Amino acid sequence: MKTLQILFVIIFCFGFMHVEAQINIGDKLKRQTNNRANQRTDQGINKSLDEVENGVKGLFKKKKPEADKSKEQAKTDSTKVKNQSGTKDGKPAADAAPSLAAYSKYDFVPGEKVVFYEDFSQDAIGDFPALWNTNGSAEVVTTNLFPGQWMKFACRECIWTDALLKLPENYTIEFDVIPTSGPQSNGGMAGWSMLLMQARNVKAWDSGSTPGQGGYWFSVEYFGRPSYGTWLYGAECEQLKTGGNKEGDEFKEKKDQKYHIAIWVQKTRVRLYQNQDKLFDSPKAFPTGCVKPDRIRFEDGAAMVSNIRIAVGAPDTRNKLMTEGKLVTYGIYFDVNKDVVKPESYGTLKDIATVLNEVPDVKVKIVGHTDSDGADAANLDLSKRRAASVKAELAKSFGVNGDRLITDGMGESQPVAPNDTPANKALNRRVEFIKM
């Protein structure tokens, strides 16, 4: 039957061709009119011949087994998933964040009370940031790589916090950094350095390779390798200085990628993290009586930095939640206007989950809060979605029974500080856990 259908189509096509041969091409007007008819005829013939060709191929084409079809479909589905999570060519997007699971060994827990926060949102694009000082130059910029405003520097000189920081024995420092190229790097990464130091000159920079009265430095070389060291003064203290490198390609920074740096100071001990990895752990980095840091500065290379956050006091999760009945945490992070829990929240979530799993009968209400940027209704909705995301992560990643957790959001309606500076806005962006 199929063979007869094919023969019919072939005869039909030759019929069209015969009609085409009989078209009168007398004068110019008729010729133009008939040319259009010829084009339509050609289209019809081509279509018919395509159908004939496909039909003939179909007669001899071997039917593909169902198992092979399943494999082919699975391959197609896999490609779709890869492309949905990255760019058009399937590569990861520049700002694609790693999953929370990638931070399973991340034990960093930020301090409880924010004492310094800088995202440069109060500064005009192109200006030097108001809370900083320099003996070189820097400017506030935006970038198509990542959202927000950034302080960009590209020099050997220094950019430092203008006012001295009042830091206790225990505190945490966090910031985001994007390594860039510098004037002398020929398009390659220039590297960068960060110093946590005790200043000698309050109103100006301290010169030299070992400035001020001592401190701790973290440096990324032009080829990406991280390293650290301390410098100390005095006959006894100087002998206690320490330093080292972190070998391995997986730890090397790359140009135009964002890295989250976290520093945890506990009396003499300093731990430094890059994204999910603990790079350095120095038990005696700040020997007692040798140095008391009060300033941060960036230097030696080119980079963009933002979201600089300093917090003091180790959170007493168990006492706050179980005894006082309310835990306020600033260690659960979200990107601007988003409700996805950032992976660097892992240490805080794990700390909270440990307490919740040890008291399985207690129910807790999770409440999200925002600052006043944006519309009231949008902030209210955002705070509710963030609370729901926290609940989902506690259940999925840490095994907390979701039936024990209820969620809500207050938006910007319950501030704990005026929404007038980046530091105060950071205080209002929080997640609260309330014992029911």
Foldseek 3Di string as FASTA:
>chain_A
DLVVVLVVLVVVLVVLVVVLVPQDCDDDVSVVVVVVVVVVSVVVSVVSVVVSVVSVCVVVDDDDDPVVVVVVVVVVVVQVVQCVQDPNVSDHAQPRADDLVVLVVFQDAFFFAWDDWWQQPVPDFQDDRDQKDWPPDWTWHADPRDDGIWIKDAAQIKIKGLAWADADQWKKKKKKKAFFAHPPRVGATQKKKKWQFAADDNRDWADDPQGHAKTKMWIAHRFFKIKIWIAWDDPVVRVVIDMDTADDPVRGDGHGHMWMWMWTGHRQWIWIDIHSGTRDIDNRNDPPPTGDTTMMMMRRGIMIMRGIIMHGHDDPQLCCCVPVQKDKHLLFDDDPLDQATHSSSSNVLQVNLVNCVVPVVWAKEKEWEAADPDDQVSQQVSRQSNSVNSLVCSCPVPPRPSVRYHYGYDGNPDQPAHNPDSSSRSRRGIMMIGID
